[in-house]
Amino acid sequence: MQDGVDTGLFRSVGNAFVVDGDPASVTEIWSGLELDMMVAVVAADLALDIVHDCQAEASCGVDAEARVQQLEEPHLRSVNPLTGGVDIGAPIAIGDRWTEVRIRALPDRLTGAAQWLCPEPERLDLPIVPCEE
């Protein structure tokens, strides 16, 4: 039997093993947390939108001609045990430099939907304002 957690925003992952008394049985364990796949897709889209909006406004230092692309899948940075919210890092390439856009998803316990917080263009690492849909 394997216990797990799935909040809709993230889930626990790991392996199971059986204690059978045989010293040759593998009993090494690993565990971790990963983003829900749909949460990762939304986070990637939000991150690209944020950087493109920043680029269009020309107020945050992103060159209008710079190529913007997603480098890797967004990843879980942290979980707030009190709110169930998650901080997500979305690696983005802007021209020849790398940055990480931080996004926060907070669960709505009544509807099951997430409230998304995004950074302002000047601070891509500080998700504090509601994301524009």
Protein backbone atom coordinates (compact mmCIF):
# COMPACT_ATOMS: atom_id res chain seq x y z
CA MET A 1 0.00 0.00 0.00
CA GLN A 2 1.26 3.45 -0.84
CA ASP A 3 -0.04 6.59 0.84
CA GLY A 4 -0.08 9.75 -1.19
CA VAL A 5 -1.36 13.27 -1.34
CA ASP A 6 -3.03 14.88 -4.34
CA THR A 7 -4.32 18.42 -3.78
CA GLY A 8 -5.13 19.25 -7.39
CA LEU A 9 -2.14 21.61 -7.42
CA PHE A 10 0.54 19.07 -6.54
CA ARG A 11 0.89 15.43 -5.64
CA SER A 12 3.33 13.34 -3.69
CA VAL A 13 5.40 10.85 -5.64
CA GLY A 14 7.72 8.06 -4.59
CA ASN A 15 8.19 4.37 -4.54
CA ALA A 16 6.73 1.62 -2.42
CA PHE A 17 8.57 -1.34 -0.97
CA VAL A 18 7.69 -4.42 1.00
CA VAL A 19 9.38 -5.38 4.23
CA ASP A 20 9.63 -9.13 3.86
CA GLY A 21 12.55 -10.05 6.08
CA ASP A 22 14.82 -10.86 3.16
CA PRO A 23 18.10 -8.88 3.49
CA ALA A 24 18.43 -8.93 -0.31
CA SER A 25 15.14 -7.04 -0.81
CA VAL A 26 15.53 -3.46 -1.92
CA THR A 27 14.28 -1.12 0.78
CA GLU A 28 15.65 2.19 -0.43
CA ILE A 29 12.95 4.76 -0.67
CA TRP A 30 12.56 8.08 -2.36
CA SER A 31 9.76 10.58 -2.25
CA GLY A 32 8.99 14.04 -3.47
CA LEU A 33 6.35 16.44 -4.68
CA GLU A 34 5.48 17.37 -8.25
CA LEU A 35 3.15 19.85 -9.88
CA ASP A 36 -0.09 18.66 -11.36
CA MET A 37 0.35 18.54 -15.14
CA MET A 38 -2.43 21.06 -15.87
CA VAL A 39 -1.09 23.43 -13.22
CA ALA A 40 2.31 23.28 -14.94
CA VAL A 41 0.71 24.08 -18.32
CA VAL A 42 -1.16 27.09 -16.91
CA ALA A 43 1.98 28.30 -15.10
CA ALA A 44 4.07 28.05 -18.30
CA ASP A 45 1.47 30.01 -20.27
CA LEU A 46 1.22 32.67 -17.57
CA ALA A 47 5.00 33.05 -17.38
CA LEU A 48 5.32 33.54 -21.14
CA ASP A 49 2.41 36.00 -21.14
CA ILE A 50 4.00 38.00 -18.32
CA VAL A 51 7.32 38.31 -20.14
CA HIS A 52 5.65 39.13 -23.48
CA ASP A 53 3.53 41.83 -21.77
CA CYS A 54 6.65 43.21 -20.14
CA GLN A 55 8.39 43.19 -23.51
CA ALA A 56 5.49 45.05 -25.16
CA GLU A 57 5.42 47.74 -22.46
CA ALA A 58 9.18 48.34 -22.78
CA SER A 59 9.24 49.40 -19.13
CA CYS A 60 10.94 46.45 -17.52
CA GLY A 61 14.17 46.04 -19.42
CA VAL A 62 13.22 43.26 -21.84
CA ASP A 63 14.38 44.18 -25.34
CA ALA A 64 11.50 44.33 -27.81
CA GLU A 65 13.49 42.21 -30.28
CA ALA A 66 14.60 39.54 -27.78
CA ARG A 67 13.44 36.00 -28.39
CA VAL A 68 11.36 34.73 -25.46
CA GLN A 69 10.90 31.00 -24.92
CA GLN A 70 10.18 28.46 -22.23
CA LEU A 71 13.36 26.60 -21.23
CA GLU A 72 11.99 23.79 -19.09
CA GLU A 73 8.74 22.68 -17.52
CA PRO A 74 7.71 24.79 -14.52
CA HIS A 75 8.65 23.22 -11.22
CA LEU A 76 7.39 23.26 -7.67
CA ARG A 77 9.49 25.59 -5.53
CA SER A 78 7.60 25.40 -2.25
CA VAL A 79 4.33 24.49 -0.59
CA ASN A 80 2.70 26.57 2.13
CA PRO A 81 1.38 24.02 4.63
CA LEU A 82 -1.11 26.51 6.09
CA THR A 83 -2.79 27.61 2.85
CA GLY A 84 -2.00 24.68 0.56
CA GLY A 85 -0.67 27.23 -1.91
CA VAL A 86 2.31 26.49 -4.10
CA ASP A 87 5.10 28.65 -5.43
CA ILE A 88 6.09 27.71 -8.95
CA GLY A 89 9.24 28.54 -10.88
CA ALA A 90 8.97 28.83 -14.66
CA PRO A 91 12.37 29.00 -16.41
CA ILE A 92 12.28 31.42 -19.35
CA ALA A 93 14.98 32.43 -21.83
CA ILE A 94 15.00 36.09 -22.83
CA GLY A 95 17.49 36.45 -25.66
CA ASP A 96 20.70 34.88 -24.37
CA ARG A 97 19.87 35.19 -20.67
CA TRP A 98 17.89 32.95 -18.36
CA THR A 99 15.38 34.02 -15.75
CA GLU A 100 12.79 32.35 -13.61
CA VAL A 101 9.30 33.77 -13.43
CA ARG A 102 7.68 33.00 -10.08
CA ILE A 103 3.96 32.29 -9.93
CA ARG A 104 1.82 31.35 -6.94
CA ALA A 105 -1.32 29.20 -7.03
CA LEU A 106 -3.67 29.27 -4.06
CA PRO A 107 -6.46 26.70 -3.75
CA ASP A 108 -10.05 27.82 -3.34
CA ARG A 109 -11.49 25.24 -0.99
CA LEU A 110 -15.08 26.05 -2.04
CA THR A 111 -14.77 25.81 -5.82
CA GLY A 112 -11.65 23.66 -6.19
CA ALA A 113 -10.22 26.23 -8.62
CA ALA A 114 -6.93 27.98 -8.10
CA GLN A 115 -6.34 31.68 -7.58
CA TRP A 116 -3.22 32.68 -9.51
CA LEU A 117 -0.81 35.35 -8.34
CA CYS A 118 1.76 36.75 -10.74
CA PRO A 119 4.69 39.13 -10.44
CA GLU A 120 4.66 42.69 -11.62
CA PRO A 121 6.87 43.18 -14.69
CA GLU A 122 9.61 44.88 -12.69
CA ARG A 123 9.98 41.94 -10.27
CA LEU A 124 9.59 38.59 -12.01
CA ASP A 125 10.51 36.79 -8.78
CA LEU A 126 7.71 38.18 -6.55
CA PRO A 127 4.18 36.87 -7.23
CA ILE A 128 1.90 39.37 -5.47
CA VAL A 129 -0.79 40.55 -7.87
CA PRO A 130 -3.72 38.57 -9.33
CA CYS A 131 -2.86 37.26 -12.79
CA GLU A 132 -4.76 38.69 -15.72
CA GLU A 133 -6.74 36.01 -17.51
